[in-house]
Amino acid sequence: MKRIENVVLLKVIGSVELIFALAMFYFFYHDIPALVGGFILLGLSANSFYQAHKCYQRQYSPRNSDSSK
């Protein structure tokens, strides 16, 4: 159950970062520092989604030691 909570938390964090990055691009498209911050948030968002995907795969991958029990 703990890994499911981690997956959900990582997806929520990634979604919030994505929304803020898009908002920065929309409202501050003429300011270079805001664009850099938006790209950083996009990278963090992609990392959160990737980590959630890895955690989800680890949860559903077969384990040799658990299948014998």
C-alpha atoms as a PDB file:
ATOM      1  CA  MET A   1       0.000   0.000   0.000  1.00  0.00           C
ATOM      2  CA  LYS A   2       2.886   2.363   0.717  1.00  0.00           C
ATOM      3  CA  ARG A   3       4.081   2.304  -2.895  1.00  0.00           C
ATOM      4  CA  ILE A   4       0.611   3.229  -4.179  1.00  0.00           C
ATOM      5  CA  GLU A   5       0.653   6.254  -1.895  1.00  0.00           C
ATOM      6  CA  ASN A   6       4.085   7.179  -3.254  1.00  0.00           C
ATOM      7  CA  VAL A   7       2.855   6.883  -6.850  1.00  0.00           C
ATOM      8  CA  VAL A   8      -0.163   9.082  -6.149  1.00  0.00           C
ATOM      9  CA  LEU A   9       1.941  11.644  -4.294  1.00  0.00           C
ATOM     10  CA  LEU A  10       4.523  11.803  -7.089  1.00  0.00           C
ATOM     11  CA  LYS A  11       1.802  12.242  -9.706  1.00  0.00           C
ATOM     12  CA  VAL A  12       0.159  15.036  -7.708  1.00  0.00           C
ATOM     13  CA  ILE A  13       3.491  16.799  -7.267  1.00  0.00           C
ATOM     14  CA  GLY A  14       4.277  16.398 -10.965  1.00  0.00           C
ATOM     15  CA  SER A  15       0.871  17.751 -11.955  1.00  0.00           C
ATOM     16  CA  VAL A  16       1.246  20.825  -9.742  1.00  0.00           C
ATOM     17  CA  GLU A  17       4.718  21.496 -11.125  1.00  0.00           C
ATOM     18  CA  LEU A  18       3.389  21.156 -14.667  1.00  0.00           C
ATOM     19  CA  ILE A  19       0.510  23.562 -13.997  1.00  0.00           C
ATOM     20  CA  PHE A  20       2.852  26.146 -12.490  1.00  0.00           C
ATOM     21  CA  ALA A  21       5.308  25.789 -15.384  1.00  0.00           C
ATOM     22  CA  LEU A  22       2.534  26.345 -17.916  1.00  0.00           C
ATOM     23  CA  ALA A  23       1.261  29.323 -15.921  1.00  0.00           C
ATOM     24  CA  MET A  24       4.744  30.822 -15.890  1.00  0.00           C
ATOM     25  CA  PHE A  25       5.012  30.390 -19.650  1.00  0.00           C
ATOM     26  CA  TYR A  26       1.593  31.951 -20.186  1.00  0.00           C
ATOM     27  CA  PHE A  27       1.878  34.949 -17.852  1.00  0.00           C
ATOM     28  CA  PHE A  28       5.617  35.707 -18.026  1.00  0.00           C
ATOM     29  CA  TYR A  29       6.554  34.758 -21.599  1.00  0.00           C
ATOM     30  CA  HIS A  30       8.489  38.023 -22.077  1.00  0.00           C
ATOM     31  CA  ASP A  31      10.759  37.622 -19.012  1.00  0.00           C
ATOM     32  CA  ILE A  32      13.817  35.418 -19.522  1.00  0.00           C
ATOM     33  CA  PRO A  33      14.262  34.431 -15.821  1.00  0.00           C
ATOM     34  CA  ALA A  34      10.634  33.293 -15.666  1.00  0.00           C
ATOM     35  CA  LEU A  35      11.118  31.188 -18.801  1.00  0.00           C
ATOM     36  CA  VAL A  36      14.181  29.561 -17.249  1.00  0.00           C
ATOM     37  CA  GLY A  37      12.146  28.851 -14.107  1.00  0.00           C
ATOM     38  CA  GLY A  38       9.381  27.382 -16.266  1.00  0.00           C
ATOM     39  CA  PHE A  39      11.831  25.040 -17.974  1.00  0.00           C
ATOM     40  CA  ILE A  40      13.226  23.988 -14.604  1.00  0.00           C
ATOM     41  CA  LEU A  41       9.696  23.231 -13.384  1.00  0.00           C
ATOM     42  CA  LEU A  42       9.032  21.244 -16.560  1.00  0.00           C
ATOM     43  CA  GLY A  43      12.133  19.171 -15.854  1.00  0.00           C
ATOM     44  CA  LEU A  44      11.091  18.583 -12.257  1.00  0.00           C
ATOM     45  CA  SER A  45       7.608  17.606 -13.414  1.00  0.00           C
ATOM     46  CA  ALA A  46       8.996  15.120 -15.926  1.00  0.00           C
ATOM     47  CA  ASN A  47      11.228  13.669 -13.206  1.00  0.00           C
ATOM     48  CA  SER A  48       8.259  13.264 -10.836  1.00  0.00           C
ATOM     49  CA  PHE A  49       6.241  11.425 -13.486  1.00  0.00           C
ATOM     50  CA  TYR A  50       9.241   9.222 -14.321  1.00  0.00           C
ATOM     51  CA  GLN A  51       9.808   8.341 -10.656  1.00  0.00           C
ATOM     52  CA  ALA A  52       6.092   7.530 -10.267  1.00  0.00           C
ATOM     53  CA  HIS A  53       6.289   5.258 -13.300  1.00  0.00           C
ATOM     54  CA  LYS A  54       9.353   3.451 -11.907  1.00  0.00           C
ATOM     55  CA  CYS A  55       7.661   3.025  -8.517  1.00  0.00           C
ATOM     56  CA  TYR A  56       4.520   1.665 -10.180  1.00  0.00           C
ATOM     57  CA  GLN A  57       6.542  -0.810 -12.237  1.00  0.00           C
ATOM     58  CA  ARG A  58       8.424  -2.000  -9.148  1.00  0.00           C
ATOM     59  CA  GLN A  59       5.119  -2.649  -7.422  1.00  0.00           C
ATOM     60  CA  TYR A  60       3.775  -4.896 -10.179  1.00  0.00           C
ATOM     61  CA  SER A  61       6.970  -6.674 -11.199  1.00  0.00           C
ATOM     62  CA  PRO A  62       7.053 -10.344 -10.242  1.00  0.00           C
ATOM     63  CA  ARG A  63       9.369 -11.313  -7.419  1.00  0.00           C
ATOM     64  CA  ASN A  64      10.882 -14.772  -7.193  1.00  0.00           C
ATOM     65  CA  SER A  65      11.091 -14.873  -3.401  1.00  0.00           C
ATOM     66  CA  ASP A  66       7.453 -13.809  -2.845  1.00  0.00           C
ATOM     67  CA  SER A  67       5.923 -16.219  -5.360  1.00  0.00           C
ATOM     68  CA  SER A  68       7.130 -19.317  -3.474  1.00  0.00           C
ATOM     69  CA  LYS A  69       5.169 -18.401  -0.327  1.00  0.00           C
END
